[in-house]
């Protein structure tokens, strides 16, 4: 539909008892306030499966803050 060649995900619930397991894990890890409230909320999970950072929609994906966190997590 958008000429992408990578797997797309389906819509999932992010809050409540019907939330996708990833978002339930987020809520259990750092609290329900960390659940996304709008599209493009970002989470950074390191190679050990630990949540190391998160950003709301207003933070640009290529902002220095996000890029530096990814570089630290992958160093």
N, C-alpha and C. Protein backbone atom coordinates (compact mmCIF):
# COMPACT_ATOMS: atom_id res chain seq x y z
N UNK A 1 0.81 -1.20 0.00
CA UNK A 1 0.00 0.00 0.00
C UNK A 1 0.85 1.26 0.00
N UNK A 2 1.93 1.24 0.73
CA UNK A 2 2.81 2.41 0.79
C UNK A 2 4.17 2.11 0.17
N UNK A 3 4.24 1.09 -0.65
CA UNK A 3 5.46 0.69 -1.34
C UNK A 3 6.59 0.33 -0.38
N UNK A 4 6.24 -0.23 0.77
CA UNK A 4 7.28 -0.69 1.70
C UNK A 4 7.58 -2.15 1.42
N UNK A 5 8.80 -2.56 1.74
CA UNK A 5 9.17 -3.95 1.51
C UNK A 5 9.58 -4.64 2.81
N UNK A 6 9.06 -4.13 3.92
CA UNK A 6 9.30 -4.76 5.21
C UNK A 6 7.96 -5.13 5.83
N UNK A 7 7.95 -6.07 6.78
CA UNK A 7 6.68 -6.50 7.38
C UNK A 7 6.01 -5.35 8.14
N UNK A 8 4.76 -5.18 7.90
CA UNK A 8 3.97 -4.18 8.63
C UNK A 8 3.25 -4.89 9.77
N UNK A 9 2.94 -4.17 10.80
CA UNK A 9 2.21 -4.74 11.92
C UNK A 9 0.73 -4.41 11.78
N UNK A 10 -0.05 -5.06 12.56
CA UNK A 10 -1.47 -4.75 12.58
C UNK A 10 -1.76 -3.78 13.72
N UNK A 11 -2.94 -3.22 13.74
CA UNK A 11 -3.36 -2.37 14.85
C UNK A 11 -3.47 -3.23 16.10
N UNK A 12 -2.98 -2.70 17.20
CA UNK A 12 -3.09 -3.41 18.47
C UNK A 12 -3.52 -2.42 19.55
N UNK A 13 -4.11 -2.94 20.58
CA UNK A 13 -4.48 -2.10 21.73
C UNK A 13 -3.23 -1.84 22.56
N UNK A 14 -3.16 -0.64 23.11
CA UNK A 14 -1.99 -0.27 23.90
C UNK A 14 -2.31 -0.07 25.37
N UNK A 15 -3.57 -0.04 25.72
CA UNK A 15 -3.99 0.19 27.10
C UNK A 15 -4.99 -0.87 27.55
N UNK A 16 -5.02 -1.12 28.84
CA UNK A 16 -6.03 -1.99 29.41
C UNK A 16 -5.74 -3.47 29.30
N UNK A 17 -6.73 -4.27 29.69
CA UNK A 17 -6.59 -5.71 29.73
C UNK A 17 -6.38 -6.36 28.38
N UNK A 18 -6.85 -5.70 27.32
CA UNK A 18 -6.69 -6.24 25.97
C UNK A 18 -5.44 -5.73 25.27
N UNK A 19 -4.58 -5.03 26.00
CA UNK A 19 -3.37 -4.47 25.39
C UNK A 19 -2.47 -5.59 24.88
N UNK A 20 -1.73 -5.29 23.82
CA UNK A 20 -0.73 -6.21 23.28
C UNK A 20 0.29 -6.52 24.38
N UNK A 21 0.83 -7.74 24.41
CA UNK A 21 1.80 -8.10 25.46
C UNK A 21 2.98 -7.13 25.59
N UNK A 22 3.44 -6.54 24.49
CA UNK A 22 4.54 -5.57 24.59
C UNK A 22 4.13 -4.39 25.46
N UNK A 23 2.94 -3.87 25.24
CA UNK A 23 2.49 -2.70 26.00
C UNK A 23 2.15 -3.06 27.44
N UNK A 24 1.71 -4.29 27.66
CA UNK A 24 1.51 -4.75 29.04
C UNK A 24 2.86 -4.79 29.75
N UNK A 25 3.89 -5.27 29.04
CA UNK A 25 5.25 -5.31 29.61
C UNK A 25 5.73 -3.90 29.94
N UNK A 26 5.49 -2.95 29.04
CA UNK A 26 5.87 -1.56 29.29
C UNK A 26 5.20 -1.07 30.56
N UNK A 27 3.88 -1.28 30.67
CA UNK A 27 3.14 -0.82 31.85
C UNK A 27 3.67 -1.49 33.12
N UNK A 28 3.97 -2.78 33.04
CA UNK A 28 4.51 -3.48 34.21
C UNK A 28 5.91 -3.00 34.56
N UNK A 29 6.68 -2.62 33.56
CA UNK A 29 8.07 -2.21 33.77
C UNK A 29 8.18 -0.79 34.32
N UNK A 30 7.48 0.15 33.71
CA UNK A 30 7.65 1.55 34.11
C UNK A 30 6.34 2.26 34.45
N UNK A 31 5.24 1.54 34.42
CA UNK A 31 3.96 2.14 34.80
C UNK A 31 3.11 2.48 33.59
N UNK A 32 1.81 2.52 33.82
CA UNK A 32 0.87 2.77 32.72
C UNK A 32 1.02 4.15 32.09
N UNK A 33 1.61 5.09 32.80
CA UNK A 33 1.83 6.42 32.23
C UNK A 33 2.80 6.38 31.05
N UNK A 34 3.55 5.28 30.93
CA UNK A 34 4.52 5.15 29.83
C UNK A 34 3.89 4.61 28.56
N UNK A 35 2.63 4.22 28.63
CA UNK A 35 1.95 3.71 27.43
C UNK A 35 1.77 4.86 26.44
N UNK A 36 1.82 4.55 25.16
CA UNK A 36 1.68 5.62 24.16
C UNK A 36 0.29 6.24 24.21
N UNK A 37 0.24 7.53 24.01
CA UNK A 37 -1.03 8.26 23.97
C UNK A 37 -1.38 8.68 22.55
N UNK A 38 -0.41 8.55 21.65
CA UNK A 38 -0.60 8.96 20.27
C UNK A 38 0.38 8.19 19.40
N UNK A 39 0.17 8.22 18.11
CA UNK A 39 1.07 7.55 17.18
C UNK A 39 2.51 8.03 17.33
N UNK A 40 3.42 7.20 16.96
CA UNK A 40 4.85 7.51 16.88
C UNK A 40 5.53 7.67 18.23
N UNK A 41 4.92 7.12 19.28
CA UNK A 41 5.62 7.02 20.56
C UNK A 41 6.76 6.04 20.32
N UNK A 42 7.91 6.28 20.91
CA UNK A 42 9.09 5.48 20.62
C UNK A 42 9.65 4.84 21.89
N UNK A 43 10.06 3.57 21.78
CA UNK A 43 10.72 2.85 22.87
C UNK A 43 12.03 2.30 22.34
N UNK A 44 13.04 2.31 23.19
CA UNK A 44 14.33 1.71 22.84
C UNK A 44 14.58 0.55 23.79
N UNK A 45 14.71 -0.63 23.21
CA UNK A 45 14.95 -1.85 23.97
C UNK A 45 16.35 -2.33 23.59
N UNK A 46 17.18 -2.60 24.59
CA UNK A 46 18.55 -3.00 24.27
C UNK A 46 18.64 -4.48 23.90
N UNK A 47 19.86 -4.93 23.60
CA UNK A 47 20.07 -6.31 23.14
C UNK A 47 19.74 -7.34 24.21
N UNK A 48 19.62 -6.90 25.46
CA UNK A 48 19.27 -7.81 26.55
C UNK A 48 17.77 -7.79 26.85
N UNK A 49 17.03 -7.05 26.05
CA UNK A 49 15.59 -6.98 26.25
C UNK A 49 15.16 -6.00 27.32
N UNK A 50 16.07 -5.11 27.71
CA UNK A 50 15.75 -4.11 28.72
C UNK A 50 15.27 -2.82 28.07
N UNK A 51 14.26 -2.22 28.63
CA UNK A 51 13.79 -0.92 28.17
C UNK A 51 14.77 0.13 28.67
N UNK A 52 15.42 0.84 27.74
CA UNK A 52 16.44 1.81 28.15
C UNK A 52 16.04 3.25 27.91
N UNK A 53 15.04 3.49 27.08
CA UNK A 53 14.60 4.86 26.85
C UNK A 53 13.24 4.85 26.17
N UNK A 54 12.56 5.98 26.27
CA UNK A 54 11.29 6.15 25.57
C UNK A 54 11.06 7.63 25.32
N UNK A 55 10.35 7.90 24.24
CA UNK A 55 10.08 9.27 23.84
C UNK A 55 8.65 9.40 23.35
N UNK A 56 8.00 10.51 23.65
CA UNK A 56 6.65 10.74 23.14
C UNK A 56 6.68 11.12 21.66
N UNK A 57 5.51 11.19 21.09
CA UNK A 57 5.37 11.48 19.65
C UNK A 57 6.05 12.76 19.22
N UNK A 58 6.06 13.76 20.07
CA UNK A 58 6.61 15.06 19.66
C UNK A 58 8.12 15.04 19.42
N UNK A 59 8.80 14.01 19.93
CA UNK A 59 10.24 13.90 19.71
C UNK A 59 10.47 13.26 18.35
N UNK A 60 11.24 13.93 17.52
CA UNK A 60 11.53 13.43 16.17
C UNK A 60 12.40 12.17 16.23
N UNK A 61 12.11 11.19 15.39
CA UNK A 61 12.88 9.94 15.41
C UNK A 61 14.37 10.13 15.17
N UNK A 62 14.75 11.14 14.42
CA UNK A 62 16.17 11.37 14.14
C UNK A 62 16.75 12.51 14.98
N UNK A 63 16.07 12.84 16.08
CA UNK A 63 16.61 13.88 16.96
C UNK A 63 17.93 13.41 17.56
N UNK A 64 18.77 14.35 17.94
CA UNK A 64 20.05 14.00 18.56
C UNK A 64 19.84 13.09 19.76
N UNK A 65 18.83 13.38 20.55
CA UNK A 65 18.54 12.62 21.75
C UNK A 65 18.28 11.13 21.44
N UNK A 66 17.49 10.87 20.42
CA UNK A 66 17.17 9.49 20.05
C UNK A 66 18.38 8.81 19.41
N UNK A 67 19.01 9.48 18.48
CA UNK A 67 20.17 8.90 17.79
C UNK A 67 21.29 8.57 18.78
N UNK A 68 21.57 9.48 19.71
CA UNK A 68 22.63 9.23 20.69
C UNK A 68 22.28 8.05 21.59
N UNK A 69 21.03 7.93 21.99
CA UNK A 69 20.62 6.81 22.83
C UNK A 69 20.77 5.49 22.08
N UNK A 70 20.42 5.47 20.81
CA UNK A 70 20.57 4.25 20.01
C UNK A 70 22.05 3.90 19.85
N UNK A 71 22.87 4.91 19.60
CA UNK A 71 24.31 4.66 19.47
C UNK A 71 24.90 4.10 20.77
N UNK A 72 24.48 4.65 21.91
CA UNK A 72 24.98 4.12 23.19
C UNK A 72 24.52 2.67 23.41
N UNK A 73 23.27 2.39 23.06
CA UNK A 73 22.71 1.05 23.27
C UNK A 73 23.33 0.00 22.36
N UNK A 74 23.85 0.44 21.23
CA UNK A 74 24.40 -0.51 20.26
C UNK A 74 25.93 -0.53 20.24
N UNK A 75 26.53 0.26 21.11
CA UNK A 75 28.01 0.34 21.13
C UNK A 75 28.61 -0.92 21.70
